[in-house]
Amino acid sequence: MASDEAELKFHDDMRKGAERLKREIGYNPTRFAQMLGDLGGVGAAKQLLGGANASDGFTTLWESGRLELSVEAFVLLPWYRHLFGEHHLETARYRLSEHGFDVDRFLRRARQDRPAWAPAIT
């Protein structure tokens, strides 16, 4: 998949994730939605992963037990990894792991349930 197509898919996944959070846990990530509009999904993710600390939104997801919907989790999906630098990937994995999220289990499950458009990852 071309990077520009993957970027569009990533942006759409970020937007859908924000909608799910509103619907499922009553959390409206307005600041994140603004970042999506201003920077696009990849730009917003890079900005969030570039900070020294996790965002307030990440903390809210952790408290709600929904880190699978975090930017950090989406960045690590095999079909999006190529959009980010190694430091972004390391930051994402570190934040998730430090908050008790089983990253390897999440990724195994993601590979089994990968979207039809995503290339097969071995």
N, C-alpha and C. Protein backbone atom coordinates (compact mmCIF):
# COMPACT_ATOMS: atom_id res chain seq x y z
N MET A 1 0.85 -1.18 0.00
CA MET A 1 0.00 0.00 0.00
C MET A 1 0.88 1.23 0.00
N ALA A 2 0.51 2.20 -0.81
CA ALA A 2 1.26 3.46 -0.87
C ALA A 2 1.10 4.22 0.45
N SER A 3 2.13 4.97 0.80
CA SER A 3 2.10 5.71 2.06
C SER A 3 0.95 6.69 2.13
N ASP A 4 0.63 7.36 0.99
CA ASP A 4 -0.46 8.33 1.04
C ASP A 4 -1.80 7.65 1.30
N GLU A 5 -2.00 6.45 0.77
CA GLU A 5 -3.23 5.70 1.04
C GLU A 5 -3.25 5.26 2.50
N ALA A 6 -2.13 4.79 3.00
CA ALA A 6 -2.05 4.38 4.41
C ALA A 6 -2.30 5.58 5.33
N GLU A 7 -1.80 6.74 4.95
CA GLU A 7 -2.04 7.94 5.76
C GLU A 7 -3.52 8.27 5.84
N LEU A 8 -4.22 8.14 4.72
CA LEU A 8 -5.67 8.39 4.71
C LEU A 8 -6.40 7.37 5.58
N LYS A 9 -6.01 6.12 5.51
CA LYS A 9 -6.62 5.07 6.33
C LYS A 9 -6.35 5.33 7.81
N PHE A 10 -5.11 5.73 8.12
CA PHE A 10 -4.76 6.02 9.51
C PHE A 10 -5.62 7.18 10.03
N HIS A 11 -5.73 8.23 9.25
CA HIS A 11 -6.53 9.39 9.64
C HIS A 11 -7.97 8.96 9.90
N ASP A 12 -8.51 8.15 9.01
CA ASP A 12 -9.89 7.69 9.15
C ASP A 12 -10.04 6.82 10.40
N ASP A 13 -9.06 5.97 10.68
CA ASP A 13 -9.11 5.15 11.90
C ASP A 13 -9.06 6.02 13.15
N MET A 14 -8.28 7.09 13.12
CA MET A 14 -8.20 7.99 14.27
C MET A 14 -9.56 8.69 14.48
N ARG A 15 -10.17 9.13 13.40
CA ARG A 15 -11.47 9.78 13.47
C ARG A 15 -12.54 8.82 14.01
N LYS A 16 -12.54 7.59 13.48
CA LYS A 16 -13.52 6.59 13.94
C LYS A 16 -13.27 6.21 15.40
N GLY A 17 -12.02 6.15 15.80
CA GLY A 17 -11.70 5.85 17.19
C GLY A 17 -12.25 6.91 18.12
N ALA A 18 -12.11 8.18 17.74
CA ALA A 18 -12.64 9.28 18.55
C ALA A 18 -14.16 9.18 18.66
N GLU A 19 -14.81 8.81 17.56
CA GLU A 19 -16.27 8.64 17.59
C GLU A 19 -16.67 7.49 18.52
N ARG A 20 -15.91 6.40 18.48
CA ARG A 20 -16.19 5.26 19.37
C ARG A 20 -16.06 5.66 20.83
N LEU A 21 -15.04 6.46 21.13
CA LEU A 21 -14.84 6.88 22.52
C LEU A 21 -16.02 7.71 23.02
N LYS A 22 -16.54 8.57 22.17
CA LYS A 22 -17.72 9.36 22.55
C LYS A 22 -18.90 8.43 22.84
N ARG A 23 -19.11 7.51 21.93
CA ARG A 23 -20.26 6.62 22.00
C ARG A 23 -20.14 5.60 23.14
N GLU A 24 -18.96 5.01 23.31
CA GLU A 24 -18.80 3.89 24.23
C GLU A 24 -18.47 4.27 25.66
N ILE A 25 -17.70 5.34 25.85
CA ILE A 25 -17.34 5.69 27.24
C ILE A 25 -17.67 7.14 27.59
N GLY A 26 -18.32 7.85 26.67
CA GLY A 26 -18.72 9.22 26.95
C GLY A 26 -17.57 10.21 26.97
N TYR A 27 -16.46 9.87 26.36
CA TYR A 27 -15.30 10.76 26.31
C TYR A 27 -15.25 11.44 24.95
N ASN A 28 -15.27 12.75 24.96
CA ASN A 28 -15.22 13.53 23.73
C ASN A 28 -13.85 14.19 23.61
N PRO A 29 -12.95 13.59 22.82
CA PRO A 29 -11.59 14.12 22.71
C PRO A 29 -11.53 15.35 21.77
N THR A 30 -12.05 16.47 22.25
CA THR A 30 -12.17 17.65 21.39
C THR A 30 -10.81 18.19 20.96
N ARG A 31 -9.85 18.19 21.85
CA ARG A 31 -8.51 18.69 21.48
C ARG A 31 -7.88 17.79 20.42
N PHE A 32 -8.04 16.50 20.57
CA PHE A 32 -7.53 15.56 19.59
C PHE A 32 -8.22 15.75 18.24
N ALA A 33 -9.54 15.93 18.26
CA ALA A 33 -10.29 16.16 17.01
C ALA A 33 -9.78 17.41 16.31
N GLN A 34 -9.45 18.44 17.07
CA GLN A 34 -8.90 19.66 16.49
C GLN A 34 -7.53 19.37 15.88
N MET A 35 -6.71 18.60 16.57
CA MET A 35 -5.40 18.23 16.03
C MET A 35 -5.55 17.45 14.73
N LEU A 36 -6.52 16.54 14.68
CA LEU A 36 -6.76 15.77 13.46
C LEU A 36 -7.08 16.71 12.30
N GLY A 37 -7.95 17.68 12.57
CA GLY A 37 -8.31 18.63 11.53
C GLY A 37 -7.15 19.50 11.08
N ASP A 38 -6.32 19.89 12.02
CA ASP A 38 -5.19 20.78 11.71
C ASP A 38 -4.00 20.05 11.10
N LEU A 39 -3.68 18.86 11.63
CA LEU A 39 -2.43 18.18 11.27
C LEU A 39 -2.62 16.88 10.50
N GLY A 40 -3.84 16.38 10.45
CA GLY A 40 -4.07 15.06 9.89
C GLY A 40 -3.71 14.01 10.93
N GLY A 41 -4.10 12.78 10.66
CA GLY A 41 -3.88 11.70 11.63
C GLY A 41 -2.42 11.45 11.94
N VAL A 42 -1.60 11.34 10.91
CA VAL A 42 -0.17 11.05 11.12
C VAL A 42 0.51 12.22 11.83
N GLY A 43 0.21 13.44 11.40
CA GLY A 43 0.81 14.61 12.04
C GLY A 43 0.42 14.73 13.50
N ALA A 44 -0.85 14.47 13.81
CA ALA A 44 -1.32 14.53 15.19
C ALA A 44 -0.63 13.45 16.03
N ALA A 45 -0.52 12.25 15.48
CA ALA A 45 0.14 11.16 16.21
C ALA A 45 1.60 11.50 16.49
N LYS A 46 2.28 12.01 15.48
CA LYS A 46 3.69 12.36 15.68
C LYS A 46 3.85 13.44 16.74
N GLN A 47 2.95 14.41 16.75
CA GLN A 47 3.04 15.46 17.76
C GLN A 47 2.79 14.89 19.15
N LEU A 48 1.79 14.04 19.28
CA LEU A 48 1.49 13.44 20.59
C LEU A 48 2.63 12.54 21.07
N LEU A 49 3.25 11.83 20.16
CA LEU A 49 4.34 10.93 20.53
C LEU A 49 5.66 11.67 20.72
N GLY A 50 5.71 12.90 20.28
CA GLY A 50 6.93 13.69 20.42
C GLY A 50 7.08 14.33 21.78
N GLY A 51 6.00 14.38 22.54
CA GLY A 51 6.06 14.98 23.87
C GLY A 51 6.69 14.05 24.88
N ALA A 52 7.17 14.63 25.95
CA ALA A 52 7.82 13.83 27.00
C ALA A 52 6.83 12.97 27.76
N ASN A 53 5.60 13.44 27.87
CA ASN A 53 4.60 12.73 28.66
C ASN A 53 3.41 12.34 27.79
N ALA A 54 2.68 11.35 28.26
CA ALA A 54 1.47 10.95 27.58
C ALA A 54 0.43 12.07 27.70
N SER A 55 -0.47 12.13 26.75
CA SER A 55 -1.51 13.17 26.74
C SER A 55 -2.57 12.88 27.80
N ASP A 56 -3.38 13.89 28.08
CA ASP A 56 -4.51 13.70 28.99
C ASP A 56 -5.46 12.65 28.42
N GLY A 57 -5.61 12.64 27.10
CA GLY A 57 -6.48 11.65 26.46
C GLY A 57 -5.98 10.24 26.71
N PHE A 58 -4.68 10.03 26.63
CA PHE A 58 -4.10 8.72 26.91
C PHE A 58 -4.44 8.30 28.33
N THR A 59 -4.30 9.23 29.26
CA THR A 59 -4.60 8.94 30.66
C THR A 59 -6.07 8.57 30.83
N THR A 60 -6.94 9.28 30.15
CA THR A 60 -8.38 8.97 30.21
C THR A 60 -8.64 7.56 29.68
N LEU A 61 -8.00 7.21 28.57
CA LEU A 61 -8.19 5.86 28.00
C LEU A 61 -7.65 4.80 28.95
N TRP A 62 -6.52 5.05 29.56
CA TRP A 62 -5.95 4.11 30.53
C TRP A 62 -6.91 3.91 31.70
N GLU A 63 -7.43 5.02 32.24
CA GLU A 63 -8.36 4.93 33.37
C GLU A 63 -9.63 4.18 32.99
N SER A 64 -10.00 4.24 31.71
CA SER A 64 -11.22 3.57 31.22
C SER A 64 -10.95 2.17 30.70
N GLY A 65 -9.69 1.74 30.74
CA GLY A 65 -9.34 0.41 30.23
C GLY A 65 -9.51 0.28 28.73
N ARG A 66 -9.23 1.38 28.00
CA ARG A 66 -9.45 1.38 26.55
C ARG A 66 -8.20 1.79 25.77
N LEU A 67 -7.04 1.39 26.22
CA LEU A 67 -5.81 1.77 25.53
C LEU A 67 -5.71 1.20 24.12
N GLU A 68 -6.52 0.19 23.79
CA GLU A 68 -6.51 -0.33 22.42
C GLU A 68 -7.01 0.71 21.42
N LEU A 69 -7.64 1.77 21.90
CA LEU A 69 -8.10 2.85 21.03
C LEU A 69 -7.19 4.08 21.08
N SER A 70 -6.04 3.93 21.71
CA SER A 70 -5.12 5.06 21.81
C SER A 70 -4.31 5.24 20.52
N VAL A 71 -3.85 6.44 20.31
CA VAL A 71 -2.95 6.71 19.19
C VAL A 71 -1.76 5.77 19.26
N GLU A 72 -1.24 5.57 20.46
CA GLU A 72 -0.07 4.72 20.65
C GLU A 72 -0.32 3.31 20.11
N ALA A 73 -1.49 2.77 20.36
CA ALA A 73 -1.81 1.43 19.87
C ALA A 73 -1.93 1.40 18.35
N PHE A 74 -2.59 2.38 17.77
CA PHE A 74 -2.77 2.41 16.31
C PHE A 74 -1.44 2.56 15.58
N VAL A 75 -0.54 3.34 16.14
CA VAL A 75 0.77 3.56 15.53
C VAL A 75 1.53 2.24 15.39
N LEU A 76 1.33 1.33 16.33
CA LEU A 76 2.06 0.07 16.33
C LEU A 76 1.46 -1.00 15.41
N LEU A 77 0.28 -0.75 14.87
CA LEU A 77 -0.32 -1.73 13.97
C LEU A 77 0.60 -1.94 12.77
N PRO A 78 0.81 -3.18 12.38
CA PRO A 78 1.79 -3.48 11.33
C PRO A 78 1.59 -2.71 10.03
N TRP A 79 0.36 -2.44 9.68
CA TRP A 79 0.08 -1.75 8.41
C TRP A 79 0.24 -0.24 8.50
N TYR A 80 0.54 0.28 9.69
CA TYR A 80 0.81 1.72 9.83
C TYR A 80 2.23 2.04 10.28
N ARG A 81 2.96 1.05 10.75
CA ARG A 81 4.29 1.28 11.31
C ARG A 81 5.20 2.08 10.40
N HIS A 82 5.12 1.83 9.09
CA HIS A 82 6.03 2.49 8.15
C HIS A 82 5.81 4.00 8.07
N LEU A 83 4.72 4.49 8.62
CA LEU A 83 4.43 5.92 8.59
C LEU A 83 5.17 6.69 9.68
N PHE A 84 5.82 5.97 10.60
CA PHE A 84 6.41 6.60 11.77
C PHE A 84 7.87 6.23 11.94
N GLY A 85 8.60 7.12 12.60
CA GLY A 85 10.00 6.87 12.89
C GLY A 85 10.15 5.89 14.04
N GLU A 86 11.32 5.32 14.14
CA GLU A 86 11.58 4.35 15.20
C GLU A 86 11.34 4.95 16.58
N HIS A 87 11.68 6.22 16.78
CA HIS A 87 11.47 6.85 18.09
C HIS A 87 9.98 6.96 18.42
N HIS A 88 9.12 7.17 17.41
CA HIS A 88 7.67 7.20 17.66
C HIS A 88 7.19 5.82 18.10
N LEU A 89 7.67 4.79 17.40
CA LEU A 89 7.26 3.42 17.71
C LEU A 89 7.72 3.02 19.11
N GLU A 90 8.95 3.38 19.45
CA GLU A 90 9.48 3.06 20.77
C GLU A 90 8.70 3.78 21.87
N THR A 91 8.37 5.05 21.64
CA THR A 91 7.60 5.82 22.61
C THR A 91 6.22 5.20 22.80
N ALA A 92 5.58 4.83 21.69
CA ALA A 92 4.24 4.23 21.77
C ALA A 92 4.28 2.94 22.57
N ARG A 93 5.22 2.06 22.25
CA ARG A 93 5.32 0.77 22.96
C ARG A 93 5.63 1.00 24.44
N TYR A 94 6.53 1.91 24.74
CA TYR A 94 6.91 2.19 26.12
C TYR A 94 5.71 2.68 26.93
N ARG A 95 4.99 3.67 26.40
CA ARG A 95 3.84 4.21 27.13
C ARG A 95 2.80 3.13 27.41
N LEU A 96 2.50 2.35 26.40
CA LEU A 96 1.50 1.29 26.58
C LEU A 96 1.97 0.27 27.60
N SER A 97 3.20 -0.18 27.47
CA SER A 97 3.73 -1.19 28.38
C SER A 97 3.78 -0.68 29.81
N GLU A 98 4.18 0.56 29.98
CA GLU A 98 4.27 1.15 31.32
C GLU A 98 2.91 1.26 32.00
N HIS A 99 1.85 1.24 31.21
CA HIS A 99 0.50 1.34 31.76
C HIS A 99 -0.21 -0.02 31.77
N GLY A 100 0.58 -1.10 31.70
CA GLY A 100 0.03 -2.43 31.85
C GLY A 100 -0.67 -3.01 30.63
N PHE A 101 -0.49 -2.39 29.49
CA PHE A 101 -1.13 -2.86 28.26
C PHE A 101 -0.25 -3.92 27.62
N ASP A 102 -0.83 -5.07 27.30
CA ASP A 102 -0.09 -6.18 26.68
C ASP A 102 0.03 -5.92 25.18
N VAL A 103 1.09 -5.24 24.80
CA VAL A 103 1.30 -4.83 23.41
C VAL A 103 1.40 -6.04 22.49
N ASP A 104 2.15 -7.05 22.88
CA ASP A 104 2.34 -8.22 22.01
C ASP A 104 1.02 -8.95 21.77
N ARG A 105 0.23 -9.08 22.79
CA ARG A 105 -1.10 -9.72 22.64
C ARG A 105 -1.97 -8.90 21.70
N PHE A 106 -1.98 -7.59 21.88
CA PHE A 106 -2.75 -6.69 21.02
C PHE A 106 -2.32 -6.86 19.56
N LEU A 107 -1.02 -6.92 19.31
CA LEU A 107 -0.52 -7.03 17.95
C LEU A 107 -0.83 -8.41 17.35
N ARG A 108 -0.75 -9.46 18.15
CA ARG A 108 -1.13 -10.80 17.65
C ARG A 108 -2.58 -10.81 17.22
N ARG A 109 -3.43 -10.25 18.04
CA ARG A 109 -4.86 -10.18 17.74
C ARG A 109 -5.10 -9.31 16.50
N ALA A 110 -4.39 -8.22 16.39
CA ALA A 110 -4.55 -7.33 15.24
C ALA A 110 -4.18 -8.04 13.94
N ARG A 111 -3.10 -8.81 13.98
CA ARG A 111 -2.69 -9.55 12.77
C ARG A 111 -3.76 -10.53 12.34
N GLN A 112 -4.44 -11.14 13.30
CA GLN A 112 -5.51 -12.09 12.97
C GLN A 112 -6.74 -11.39 12.40
N ASP A 113 -6.98 -10.17 12.85
CA ASP A 113 -8.17 -9.43 12.45
C ASP A 113 -7.85 -8.26 11.52
N ARG A 114 -6.75 -8.36 10.80
CA ARG A 114 -6.34 -7.23 9.97
C ARG A 114 -7.42 -6.88 8.95
N PRO A 115 -7.54 -5.60 8.63
CA PRO A 115 -8.53 -5.19 7.63
C PRO A 115 -8.20 -5.78 6.26
N ALA A 116 -9.20 -5.96 5.44
CA ALA A 116 -9.03 -6.56 4.12
C ALA A 116 -8.05 -5.77 3.26
N TRP A 117 -8.00 -4.47 3.43
CA TRP A 117 -7.13 -3.62 2.60
C TRP A 117 -5.67 -3.69 3.02
N ALA A 118 -5.42 -4.12 4.25
CA ALA A 118 -4.04 -4.11 4.79
C ALA A 118 -3.24 -5.27 4.21
N PRO A 119 -1.98 -5.00 3.88
CA PRO A 119 -1.14 -6.09 3.36
C PRO A 119 -0.89 -7.13 4.45
N ALA A 120 -0.73 -8.38 4.02
CA ALA A 120 -0.39 -9.44 4.96
C ALA A 120 1.00 -9.19 5.51
N ILE A 121 1.14 -9.28 6.81
CA ILE A 121 2.42 -9.06 7.48
C ILE A 121 2.87 -10.39 8.05
N THR A 122 4.10 -10.73 7.75
CA THR A 122 4.62 -12.00 8.27
C THR A 122 5.51 -11.77 9.45
